[in-house]
Amino acid sequence: MNNSDAVFVEVDDFCQTFLPAWEKHLISSGIKHRNKPFRLSVSEVMTMVIDFHQSSYRYFKTYYIHFIYRYLTNEFPELVSYTRILKLMQGILVPLCSYLTYR
């Protein structure tokens, strides 16, 4: 198991607990949120962001297009365009910050 796999397993385990609790909090507080499912899971997007920051790539766009698209299509079979991943990254801010605080 490489480092990315280990990060994904840990992030996914965290998301299994965190996301339902966060969803429940949003509903109880009356905050409206989108319920459209991602093609990529929250865990996958968070793993990409964490892995990018642990990589030697300077820019996320280069990392996504030249590394993820080139070498990790088997690990992420539902890859989306670069502009779409930027939109998805906006939706993982709270789970990502919570995970990093938890760690």
PDB file of N, CA and C in Angstrom:
ATOM      1  N   MET A   1       0.855  -1.173   0.000  1.00  0.00           N
ATOM      2  CA  MET A   1       0.000   0.000   0.000  1.00  0.00           C
ATOM      3  C   MET A   1       0.903   1.239   0.000  1.00  0.00           C
ATOM      4  N   ASN A   2       0.734   2.100  -1.021  1.00  0.00           N
ATOM      5  CA  ASN A   2       1.555   3.310  -1.064  1.00  0.00           C
ATOM      6  C   ASN A   2       0.938   4.405  -0.195  1.00  0.00           C
ATOM      7  N   ASN A   3       1.623   5.519  -0.098  1.00  0.00           N
ATOM      8  CA  ASN A   3       1.192   6.609   0.775  1.00  0.00           C
ATOM      9  C   ASN A   3      -0.182   7.152   0.382  1.00  0.00           C
ATOM     10  N   SER A   4      -0.446   7.288  -0.921  1.00  0.00           N
ATOM     11  CA  SER A   4      -1.753   7.798  -1.375  1.00  0.00           C
ATOM     12  C   SER A   4      -2.876   6.858  -0.959  1.00  0.00           C
ATOM     13  N   ASP A   5      -2.619   5.558  -1.057  1.00  0.00           N
ATOM     14  CA  ASP A   5      -3.628   4.578  -0.645  1.00  0.00           C
ATOM     15  C   ASP A   5      -3.905   4.690   0.854  1.00  0.00           C
ATOM     16  N   ALA A   6      -2.851   4.825   1.641  1.00  0.00           N
ATOM     17  CA  ALA A   6      -3.005   4.943   3.091  1.00  0.00           C
ATOM     18  C   ALA A   6      -3.770   6.217   3.444  1.00  0.00           C
ATOM     19  N   VAL A   7      -3.456   7.315   2.756  1.00  0.00           N
ATOM     20  CA  VAL A   7      -4.168   8.580   2.990  1.00  0.00           C
ATOM     21  C   VAL A   7      -5.633   8.406   2.633  1.00  0.00           C
ATOM     22  N   PHE A   8      -5.909   7.773   1.494  1.00  0.00           N
ATOM     23  CA  PHE A   8      -7.302   7.597   1.087  1.00  0.00           C
ATOM     24  C   PHE A   8      -8.080   6.782   2.114  1.00  0.00           C
ATOM     25  N   VAL A   9      -7.504   5.694   2.596  1.00  0.00           N
ATOM     26  CA  VAL A   9      -8.187   4.838   3.575  1.00  0.00           C
ATOM     27  C   VAL A   9      -8.505   5.637   4.835  1.00  0.00           C
ATOM     28  N   GLU A  10      -7.534   6.409   5.308  1.00  0.00           N
ATOM     29  CA  GLU A  10      -7.748   7.202   6.517  1.00  0.00           C
ATOM     30  C   GLU A  10      -8.795   8.298   6.292  1.00  0.00           C
ATOM     31  N   VAL A  11      -8.704   8.980   5.157  1.00  0.00           N
ATOM     32  CA  VAL A  11      -9.670  10.041   4.830  1.00  0.00           C
ATOM     33  C   VAL A  11     -11.062   9.449   4.655  1.00  0.00           C
ATOM     34  N   ASP A  12     -11.156   8.323   3.981  1.00  0.00           N
ATOM     35  CA  ASP A  12     -12.453   7.694   3.759  1.00  0.00           C
ATOM     36  C   ASP A  12     -13.083   7.251   5.079  1.00  0.00           C
ATOM     37  N   ASP A  13     -12.289   6.681   5.971  1.00  0.00           N
ATOM     38  CA  ASP A  13     -12.802   6.295   7.292  1.00  0.00           C
ATOM     39  C   ASP A  13     -13.321   7.520   8.041  1.00  0.00           C
ATOM     40  N   PHE A  14     -12.572   8.618   7.974  1.00  0.00           N
ATOM     41  CA  PHE A  14     -13.004   9.859   8.618  1.00  0.00           C
ATOM     42  C   PHE A  14     -14.328  10.340   8.021  1.00  0.00           C
ATOM     43  N   CYS A  15     -14.425  10.327   6.689  1.00  0.00           N
ATOM     44  CA  CYS A  15     -15.627  10.819   6.010  1.00  0.00           C
ATOM     45  C   CYS A  15     -16.857   9.970   6.321  1.00  0.00           C
ATOM     46  N   GLN A  16     -16.662   8.674   6.531  1.00  0.00           N
ATOM     47  CA  GLN A  16     -17.786   7.788   6.868  1.00  0.00           C
ATOM     48  C   GLN A  16     -18.465   8.237   8.160  1.00  0.00           C
ATOM     49  N   THR A  17     -17.694   8.806   9.068  1.00  0.00           N
ATOM     50  CA  THR A  17     -18.236   9.289  10.338  1.00  0.00           C
ATOM     51  C   THR A  17     -18.645  10.755  10.246  1.00  0.00           C
ATOM     52  N   PHE A  18     -17.777  11.568   9.660  1.00  0.00           N
ATOM     53  CA  PHE A  18     -17.984  13.012   9.661  1.00  0.00           C
ATOM     54  C   PHE A  18     -19.158  13.456   8.787  1.00  0.00           C
ATOM     55  N   LEU A  19     -19.228  12.957   7.559  1.00  0.00           N
ATOM     56  CA  LEU A  19     -20.231  13.473   6.609  1.00  0.00           C
ATOM     57  C   LEU A  19     -21.675  13.301   7.089  1.00  0.00           C
ATOM     58  N   PRO A  20     -22.076  12.132   7.629  1.00  0.00           N
ATOM     59  CA  PRO A  20     -23.456  12.034   8.133  1.00  0.00           C
ATOM     60  C   PRO A  20     -23.734  13.008   9.289  1.00  0.00           C
ATOM     61  N   ALA A  21     -22.747  13.195  10.179  1.00  0.00           N
ATOM     62  CA  ALA A  21     -22.935  14.129  11.295  1.00  0.00           C
ATOM     63  C   ALA A  21     -23.041  15.561  10.780  1.00  0.00           C
ATOM     64  N   TRP A  22     -22.226  15.911   9.800  1.00  0.00           N
ATOM     65  CA  TRP A  22     -22.258  17.260   9.225  1.00  0.00           C
ATOM     66  C   TRP A  22     -23.586  17.492   8.512  1.00  0.00           C
ATOM     67  N   GLU A  23     -24.021  16.499   7.766  1.00  0.00           N
ATOM     68  CA  GLU A  23     -25.304  16.584   7.053  1.00  0.00           C
ATOM     69  C   GLU A  23     -26.444  16.817   8.051  1.00  0.00           C
ATOM     70  N   LYS A  24     -26.423  16.085   9.137  1.00  0.00           N
ATOM     71  CA  LYS A  24     -27.451  16.219  10.171  1.00  0.00           C
ATOM     72  C   LYS A  24     -27.422  17.627  10.773  1.00  0.00           C
ATOM     73  N   HIS A  25     -26.215  18.154  11.003  1.00  0.00           N
ATOM     74  CA  HIS A  25     -26.077  19.510  11.545  1.00  0.00           C
ATOM     75  C   HIS A  25     -26.626  20.543  10.566  1.00  0.00           C
ATOM     76  N   LEU A  26     -26.326  20.382   9.275  1.00  0.00           N
ATOM     77  CA  LEU A  26     -26.811  21.342   8.272  1.00  0.00           C
ATOM     78  C   LEU A  26     -28.330  21.340   8.216  1.00  0.00           C
ATOM     79  N   ILE A  27     -28.910  20.159   8.276  1.00  0.00           N
ATOM     80  CA  ILE A  27     -30.377  20.051   8.225  1.00  0.00           C
ATOM     81  C   ILE A  27     -31.000  20.680   9.463  1.00  0.00           C
ATOM     82  N   SER A  28     -30.451  20.369  10.639  1.00  0.00           N
ATOM     83  CA  SER A  28     -31.032  20.887  11.882  1.00  0.00           C
ATOM     84  C   SER A  28     -30.851  22.396  12.028  1.00  0.00           C
ATOM     85  N   SER A  29     -29.806  22.953  11.425  1.00  0.00           N
ATOM     86  CA  SER A  29     -29.585  24.390  11.530  1.00  0.00           C
ATOM     87  C   SER A  29     -30.308  25.170  10.430  1.00  0.00           C
ATOM     88  N   GLY A  30     -30.943  24.460   9.523  1.00  0.00           N
ATOM     89  CA  GLY A  30     -31.705  25.117   8.464  1.00  0.00           C
ATOM     90  C   GLY A  30     -30.867  25.625   7.306  1.00  0.00           C
ATOM     91  N   ILE A  31     -29.599  25.249   7.266  1.00  0.00           N
ATOM     92  CA  ILE A  31     -28.723  25.687   6.183  1.00  0.00           C
ATOM     93  C   ILE A  31     -29.031  24.862   4.937  1.00  0.00           C
ATOM     94  N   LYS A  32     -29.281  25.557   3.841  1.00  0.00           N
ATOM     95  CA  LYS A  32     -29.547  24.858   2.580  1.00  0.00           C
ATOM     96  C   LYS A  32     -28.232  24.461   1.947  1.00  0.00           C
ATOM     97  N   HIS A  33     -28.208  23.296   1.354  1.00  0.00           N
ATOM     98  CA  HIS A  33     -27.011  22.824   0.666  1.00  0.00           C
ATOM     99  C   HIS A  33     -27.421  21.975  -0.523  1.00  0.00           C
ATOM    100  N   ARG A  34     -26.509  21.854  -1.462  1.00  0.00           N
ATOM    101  CA  ARG A  34     -26.773  21.043  -2.642  1.00  0.00           C
ATOM    102  C   ARG A  34     -26.733  19.583  -2.258  1.00  0.00           C
ATOM    103  N   ASN A  35     -27.600  18.821  -2.856  1.00  0.00           N
ATOM    104  CA  ASN A  35     -27.615  17.395  -2.576  1.00  0.00           C
ATOM    105  C   ASN A  35     -27.260  16.591  -3.820  1.00  0.00           C
ATOM    106  N   LYS A  36     -26.716  17.282  -4.829  1.00  0.00           N
ATOM    107  CA  LYS A  36     -26.325  16.612  -6.059  1.00  0.00           C
ATOM    108  C   LYS A  36     -25.074  15.771  -5.796  1.00  0.00           C
ATOM    109  N   PRO A  37     -25.118  14.490  -6.116  1.00  0.00           N
ATOM    110  CA  PRO A  37     -23.946  13.651  -5.830  1.00  0.00           C
ATOM    111  C   PRO A  37     -22.765  13.988  -6.738  1.00  0.00           C
ATOM    112  N   PHE A  38     -21.576  13.886  -6.181  1.00  0.00           N
ATOM    113  CA  PHE A  38     -20.349  14.077  -6.947  1.00  0.00           C
ATOM    114  C   PHE A  38     -20.106  12.834  -7.784  1.00  0.00           C
ATOM    115  N   ARG A  39     -19.429  12.982  -8.913  1.00  0.00           N
ATOM    116  CA  ARG A  39     -18.922  11.807  -9.633  1.00  0.00           C
ATOM    117  C   ARG A  39     -17.742  11.234  -8.875  1.00  0.00           C
ATOM    118  N   LEU A  40     -16.983  12.114  -8.256  1.00  0.00           N
ATOM    119  CA  LEU A  40     -15.895  11.702  -7.373  1.00  0.00           C
ATOM    120  C   LEU A  40     -16.414  11.832  -5.942  1.00  0.00           C
ATOM    121  N   SER A  41     -16.016  10.934  -5.079  1.00  0.00           N
ATOM    122  CA  SER A  41     -16.450  11.034  -3.687  1.00  0.00           C
ATOM    123  C   SER A  41     -15.691  12.158  -2.986  1.00  0.00           C
ATOM    124  N   VAL A  42     -16.248  12.617  -1.894  1.00  0.00           N
ATOM    125  CA  VAL A  42     -15.591  13.633  -1.083  1.00  0.00           C
ATOM    126  C   VAL A  42     -14.215  13.117  -0.661  1.00  0.00           C
ATOM    127  N   SER A  43     -14.135  11.846  -0.299  1.00  0.00           N
ATOM    128  CA  SER A  43     -12.868  11.232   0.116  1.00  0.00           C
ATOM    129  C   SER A  43     -11.827  11.291  -0.998  1.00  0.00           C
ATOM    130  N   GLU A  44     -12.261  11.040  -2.229  1.00  0.00           N
ATOM    131  CA  GLU A  44     -11.331  11.066  -3.361  1.00  0.00           C
ATOM    132  C   GLU A  44     -10.788  12.470  -3.607  1.00  0.00           C
ATOM    133  N   VAL A  45     -11.665  13.462  -3.567  1.00  0.00           N
ATOM    134  CA  VAL A  45     -11.233  14.839  -3.796  1.00  0.00           C
ATOM    135  C   VAL A  45     -10.299  15.291  -2.674  1.00  0.00           C
ATOM    136  N   MET A  46     -10.652  14.956  -1.432  1.00  0.00           N
ATOM    137  CA  MET A  46      -9.784  15.311  -0.309  1.00  0.00           C
ATOM    138  C   MET A  46      -8.422  14.643  -0.439  1.00  0.00           C
ATOM    139  N   THR A  47      -8.397  13.388  -0.860  1.00  0.00           N
ATOM    140  CA  THR A  47      -7.131  12.670  -1.035  1.00  0.00           C
ATOM    141  C   THR A  47      -6.271  13.346  -2.091  1.00  0.00           C
ATOM    142  N   MET A  48      -6.879  13.777  -3.190  1.00  0.00           N
ATOM    143  CA  MET A  48      -6.122  14.471  -4.231  1.00  0.00           C
ATOM    144  C   MET A  48      -5.502  15.754  -3.700  1.00  0.00           C
ATOM    145  N   VAL A  49      -6.268  16.503  -2.931  1.00  0.00           N
ATOM    146  CA  VAL A  49      -5.762  17.771  -2.388  1.00  0.00           C
ATOM    147  C   VAL A  49      -4.617  17.513  -1.411  1.00  0.00           C
ATOM    148  N   ILE A  50      -4.783  16.558  -0.533  1.00  0.00           N
ATOM    149  CA  ILE A  50      -3.728  16.227   0.436  1.00  0.00           C
ATOM    150  C   ILE A  50      -2.491  15.714  -0.293  1.00  0.00           C
ATOM    151  N   ASP A  51      -2.705  14.821  -1.254  1.00  0.00           N
ATOM    152  CA  ASP A  51      -1.577  14.258  -2.007  1.00  0.00           C
ATOM    153  C   ASP A  51      -0.834  15.344  -2.795  1.00  0.00           C
ATOM    154  N   PHE A  52      -1.584  16.289  -3.347  1.00  0.00           N
ATOM    155  CA  PHE A  52      -0.943  17.404  -4.061  1.00  0.00           C
ATOM    156  C   PHE A  52      -0.003  18.168  -3.130  1.00  0.00           C
ATOM    157  N   HIS A  53      -0.467  18.458  -1.925  1.00  0.00           N
ATOM    158  CA  HIS A  53       0.353  19.229  -0.996  1.00  0.00           C
ATOM    159  C   HIS A  53       1.560  18.439  -0.490  1.00  0.00           C
ATOM    160  N   GLN A  54       1.503  17.124  -0.593  1.00  0.00           N
ATOM    161  CA  GLN A  54       2.647  16.298  -0.207  1.00  0.00           C
ATOM    162  C   GLN A  54       3.562  16.001  -1.394  1.00  0.00           C
ATOM    163  N   SER A  55       3.149  16.409  -2.577  1.00  0.00           N
ATOM    164  CA  SER A  55       3.939  16.150  -3.787  1.00  0.00           C
ATOM    165  C   SER A  55       4.941  17.272  -4.030  1.00  0.00           C
ATOM    166  N   SER A  56       5.723  17.095  -5.065  1.00  0.00           N
ATOM    167  CA  SER A  56       6.689  18.132  -5.429  1.00  0.00           C
ATOM    168  C   SER A  56       6.127  19.089  -6.487  1.00  0.00           C
ATOM    169  N   TYR A  57       4.862  18.897  -6.856  1.00  0.00           N
ATOM    170  CA  TYR A  57       4.254  19.790  -7.851  1.00  0.00           C
ATOM    171  C   TYR A  57       4.009  21.156  -7.234  1.00  0.00           C
ATOM    172  N   ARG A  58       4.214  22.165  -8.034  1.00  0.00           N
ATOM    173  CA  ARG A  58       4.047  23.535  -7.570  1.00  0.00           C
ATOM    174  C   ARG A  58       2.622  24.039  -7.786  1.00  0.00           C
ATOM    175  N   TYR A  59       1.986  23.583  -8.856  1.00  0.00           N
ATOM    176  CA  TYR A  59       0.648  24.046  -9.207  1.00  0.00           C
ATOM    177  C   TYR A  59      -0.313  22.875  -9.285  1.00  0.00           C
ATOM    178  N   PHE A  60      -1.516  23.071  -8.746  1.00  0.00           N
ATOM    179  CA  PHE A  60      -2.502  21.997  -8.744  1.00  0.00           C
ATOM    180  C   PHE A  60      -2.892  21.595 -10.166  1.00  0.00           C
ATOM    181  N   LYS A  61      -3.005  22.559 -11.051  1.00  0.00           N
ATOM    182  CA  LYS A  61      -3.394  22.257 -12.429  1.00  0.00           C
ATOM    183  C   LYS A  61      -2.395  21.288 -13.071  1.00  0.00           C
ATOM    184  N   THR A  62      -1.127  21.545 -12.901  1.00  0.00           N
ATOM    185  CA  THR A  62      -0.095  20.658 -13.449  1.00  0.00           C
ATOM    186  C   THR A  62      -0.199  19.281 -12.815  1.00  0.00           C
ATOM    187  N   TYR A  63      -0.351  19.248 -11.507  1.00  0.00           N
ATOM    188  CA  TYR A  63      -0.490  17.979 -10.781  1.00  0.00           C
ATOM    189  C   TYR A  63      -1.694  17.186 -11.307  1.00  0.00           C
ATOM    190  N   TYR A  64      -2.829  17.859 -11.449  1.00  0.00           N
ATOM    191  CA  TYR A  64      -4.058  17.173 -11.860  1.00  0.00           C
ATOM    192  C   TYR A  64      -3.957  16.657 -13.297  1.00  0.00           C
ATOM    193  N   ILE A  65      -3.509  17.509 -14.200  1.00  0.00           N
ATOM    194  CA  ILE A  65      -3.473  17.139 -15.616  1.00  0.00           C
ATOM    195  C   ILE A  65      -2.323  16.188 -15.931  1.00  0.00           C
ATOM    196  N   HIS A  66      -1.162  16.432 -15.374  1.00  0.00           N
ATOM    197  CA  HIS A  66       0.015  15.640 -15.740  1.00  0.00           C
ATOM    198  C   HIS A  66       0.286  14.448 -14.838  1.00  0.00           C
ATOM    199  N   PHE A  67      -0.308  14.406 -13.661  1.00  0.00           N
ATOM    200  CA  PHE A  67      -0.082  13.257 -12.783  1.00  0.00           C
ATOM    201  C   PHE A  67      -1.355  12.433 -12.605  1.00  0.00           C
ATOM    202  N   ILE A  68      -2.417  13.053 -12.116  1.00  0.00           N
ATOM    203  CA  ILE A  68      -3.664  12.310 -11.878  1.00  0.00           C
ATOM    204  C   ILE A  68      -4.185  11.727 -13.190  1.00  0.00           C
ATOM    205  N   TYR A  69      -4.353  12.581 -14.207  1.00  0.00           N
ATOM    206  CA  TYR A  69      -4.893  12.111 -15.490  1.00  0.00           C
ATOM    207  C   TYR A  69      -3.988  11.098 -16.169  1.00  0.00           C
ATOM    208  N   ARG A  70      -2.695  11.230 -15.999  1.00  0.00           N
ATOM    209  CA  ARG A  70      -1.756  10.358 -16.693  1.00  0.00           C
ATOM    210  C   ARG A  70      -1.544   9.027 -15.981  1.00  0.00           C
ATOM    211  N   TYR A  71      -1.440   9.058 -14.655  1.00  0.00           N
ATOM    212  CA  TYR A  71      -1.020   7.861 -13.930  1.00  0.00           C
ATOM    213  C   TYR A  71      -2.061   7.248 -13.000  1.00  0.00           C
ATOM    214  N   LEU A  72      -3.105   7.971 -12.651  1.00  0.00           N
ATOM    215  CA  LEU A  72      -4.039   7.466 -11.644  1.00  0.00           C
ATOM    216  C   LEU A  72      -5.463   7.267 -12.145  1.00  0.00           C
ATOM    217  N   THR A  73      -5.616   7.048 -13.430  1.00  0.00           N
ATOM    218  CA  THR A  73      -6.969   6.848 -13.961  1.00  0.00           C
ATOM    219  C   THR A  73      -7.595   5.545 -13.463  1.00  0.00           C
ATOM    220  N   ASN A  74      -6.794   4.550 -13.126  1.00  0.00           N
ATOM    221  CA  ASN A  74      -7.348   3.309 -12.563  1.00  0.00           C
ATOM    222  C   ASN A  74      -7.852   3.530 -11.143  1.00  0.00           C
ATOM    223  N   GLU A  75      -7.134   4.352 -10.373  1.00  0.00           N
ATOM    224  CA  GLU A  75      -7.535   4.637  -8.997  1.00  0.00           C
ATOM    225  C   GLU A  75      -8.737   5.573  -8.935  1.00  0.00           C
ATOM    226  N   PHE A  76      -8.858   6.454  -9.920  1.00  0.00           N
ATOM    227  CA  PHE A  76      -9.960   7.410  -9.985  1.00  0.00           C
ATOM    228  C   PHE A  76     -10.679   7.264 -11.329  1.00  0.00           C
ATOM    229  N   PRO A  77     -11.511   6.240 -11.489  1.00  0.00           N
ATOM    230  CA  PRO A  77     -12.137   5.984 -12.795  1.00  0.00           C
ATOM    231  C   PRO A  77     -13.167   7.033 -13.220  1.00  0.00           C
ATOM    232  N   GLU A  78     -13.655   7.827 -12.285  1.00  0.00           N
ATOM    233  CA  GLU A  78     -14.679   8.834 -12.607  1.00  0.00           C
ATOM    234  C   GLU A  78     -14.094  10.245 -12.656  1.00  0.00           C
ATOM    235  N   LEU A  79     -12.882  10.384 -13.182  1.00  0.00           N
ATOM    236  CA  LEU A  79     -12.244  11.700 -13.225  1.00  0.00           C
ATOM    237  C   LEU A  79     -13.091  12.716 -13.977  1.00  0.00           C
ATOM    238  N   VAL A  80     -13.011  13.937 -13.519  1.00  0.00           N
ATOM    239  CA  VAL A  80     -13.753  15.037 -14.136  1.00  0.00           C
ATOM    240  C   VAL A  80     -12.745  16.024 -14.717  1.00  0.00           C
ATOM    241  N   SER A  81     -13.237  17.010 -15.434  1.00  0.00           N
ATOM    242  CA  SER A  81     -12.353  18.014 -16.024  1.00  0.00           C
ATOM    243  C   SER A  81     -11.685  18.845 -14.926  1.00  0.00           C
ATOM    244  N   TYR A  82     -10.656  19.555 -15.307  1.00  0.00           N
ATOM    245  CA  TYR A  82      -9.943  20.398 -14.355  1.00  0.00           C
ATOM    246  C   TYR A  82     -10.869  21.468 -13.773  1.00  0.00           C
ATOM    247  N   THR A  83     -11.681  22.115 -14.599  1.00  0.00           N
ATOM    248  CA  THR A  83     -12.577  23.155 -14.084  1.00  0.00           C
ATOM    249  C   THR A  83     -13.611  22.560 -13.128  1.00  0.00           C
ATOM    250  N   ARG A  84     -14.057  21.353 -13.398  1.00  0.00           N
ATOM    251  CA  ARG A  84     -15.030  20.703 -12.504  1.00  0.00           C
ATOM    252  C   ARG A  84     -14.389  20.316 -11.170  1.00  0.00           C
ATOM    253  N   ILE A  85     -13.152  19.860 -11.190  1.00  0.00           N
ATOM    254  CA  ILE A  85     -12.491  19.498  -9.931  1.00  0.00           C
ATOM    255  C   ILE A  85     -12.316  20.735  -9.060  1.00  0.00           C
ATOM    256  N   LEU A  86     -12.103  21.895  -9.675  1.00  0.00           N
ATOM    257  CA  LEU A  86     -12.003  23.129  -8.898  1.00  0.00           C
ATOM    258  C   LEU A  86     -13.314  23.425  -8.180  1.00  0.00           C
ATOM    259  N   LYS A  87     -14.433  23.188  -8.838  1.00  0.00           N
ATOM    260  CA  LYS A  87     -15.749  23.374  -8.212  1.00  0.00           C
ATOM    261  C   LYS A  87     -15.950  22.370  -7.080  1.00  0.00           C
ATOM    262  N   LEU A  88     -15.557  21.122  -7.302  1.00  0.00           N
ATOM    263  CA  LEU A  88     -15.704  20.092  -6.276  1.00  0.00           C
ATOM    264  C   LEU A  88     -14.842  20.408  -5.058  1.00  0.00           C
ATOM    265  N   MET A  89     -13.685  20.992  -5.296  1.00  0.00           N
ATOM    266  CA  MET A  89     -12.784  21.336  -4.191  1.00  0.00           C
ATOM    267  C   MET A  89     -13.418  22.379  -3.266  1.00  0.00           C
ATOM    268  N   GLN A  90     -14.261  23.233  -3.802  1.00  0.00           N
ATOM    269  CA  GLN A  90     -14.939  24.228  -2.963  1.00  0.00           C
ATOM    270  C   GLN A  90     -15.871  23.545  -1.959  1.00  0.00           C
ATOM    271  N   GLY A  91     -16.432  22.425  -2.354  1.00  0.00           N
ATOM    272  CA  GLY A  91     -17.381  21.719  -1.496  1.00  0.00           C
ATOM    273  C   GLY A  91     -16.754  20.847  -0.422  1.00  0.00           C
ATOM    274  N   ILE A  92     -15.440  20.693  -0.454  1.00  0.00           N
ATOM    275  CA  ILE A  92     -14.791  19.835   0.540  1.00  0.00           C
ATOM    276  C   ILE A  92     -14.044  20.635   1.599  1.00  0.00           C
ATOM    277  N   LEU A  93     -14.185  21.935   1.591  1.00  0.00           N
ATOM    278  CA  LEU A  93     -13.423  22.773   2.520  1.00  0.00           C
ATOM    279  C   LEU A  93     -13.704  22.414   3.982  1.00  0.00           C
ATOM    280  N   VAL A  94     -14.962  22.320   4.356  1.00  0.00           N
ATOM    281  CA  VAL A  94     -15.300  22.014   5.752  1.00  0.00           C
ATOM    282  C   VAL A  94     -14.835  20.608   6.139  1.00  0.00           C
ATOM    283  N   PRO A  95     -15.138  19.566   5.338  1.00  0.00           N
ATOM    284  CA  PRO A  95     -14.627  18.247   5.709  1.00  0.00           C
ATOM    285  C   PRO A  95     -13.098  18.191   5.757  1.00  0.00           C
ATOM    286  N   LEU A  96     -12.420  18.851   4.823  1.00  0.00           N
ATOM    287  CA  LEU A  96     -10.964  18.847   4.798  1.00  0.00           C
ATOM    288  C   LEU A  96     -10.387  19.538   6.033  1.00  0.00           C
ATOM    289  N   CYS A  97     -10.900  20.704   6.370  1.00  0.00           N
ATOM    290  CA  CYS A  97     -10.413  21.400   7.564  1.00  0.00           C
ATOM    291  C   CYS A  97     -10.691  20.586   8.825  1.00  0.00           C
ATOM    292  N   SER A  98     -11.838  19.944   8.877  1.00  0.00           N
ATOM    293  CA  SER A  98     -12.168  19.111  10.034  1.00  0.00           C
ATOM    294  C   SER A  98     -11.225  17.910  10.117  1.00  0.00           C
ATOM    295  N   TYR A  99     -10.937  17.310   8.980  1.00  0.00           N
ATOM    296  CA  TYR A  99     -10.009  16.175   8.960  1.00  0.00           C
ATOM    297  C   TYR A  99      -8.623  16.603   9.421  1.00  0.00           C
ATOM    298  N   LEU A 100      -8.130  17.723   8.897  1.00  0.00           N
ATOM    299  CA  LEU A 100      -6.803  18.193   9.265  1.00  0.00           C
ATOM    300  C   LEU A 100      -6.722  18.567  10.735  1.00  0.00           C
ATOM    301  N   THR A 101      -7.803  19.109  11.282  1.00  0.00           N
ATOM    302  CA  THR A 101      -7.855  19.417  12.705  1.00  0.00           C
ATOM    303  C   THR A 101      -7.859  18.118  13.509  1.00  0.00           C
ATOM    304  N   TYR A 102      -8.618  17.145  13.029  1.00  0.00           N
ATOM    305  CA  TYR A 102      -8.699  15.829  13.681  1.00  0.00           C
ATOM    306  C   TYR A 102      -7.334  15.157  13.707  1.00  0.00           C
ATOM    307  N   ARG A 103      -6.573  15.303  12.629  1.00  0.00           N
ATOM    308  CA  ARG A 103      -5.240  14.693  12.526  1.00  0.00           C
ATOM    309  C   ARG A 103      -4.268  15.409  13.406  1.00  0.00           C
TER     310      ARG A 103
END
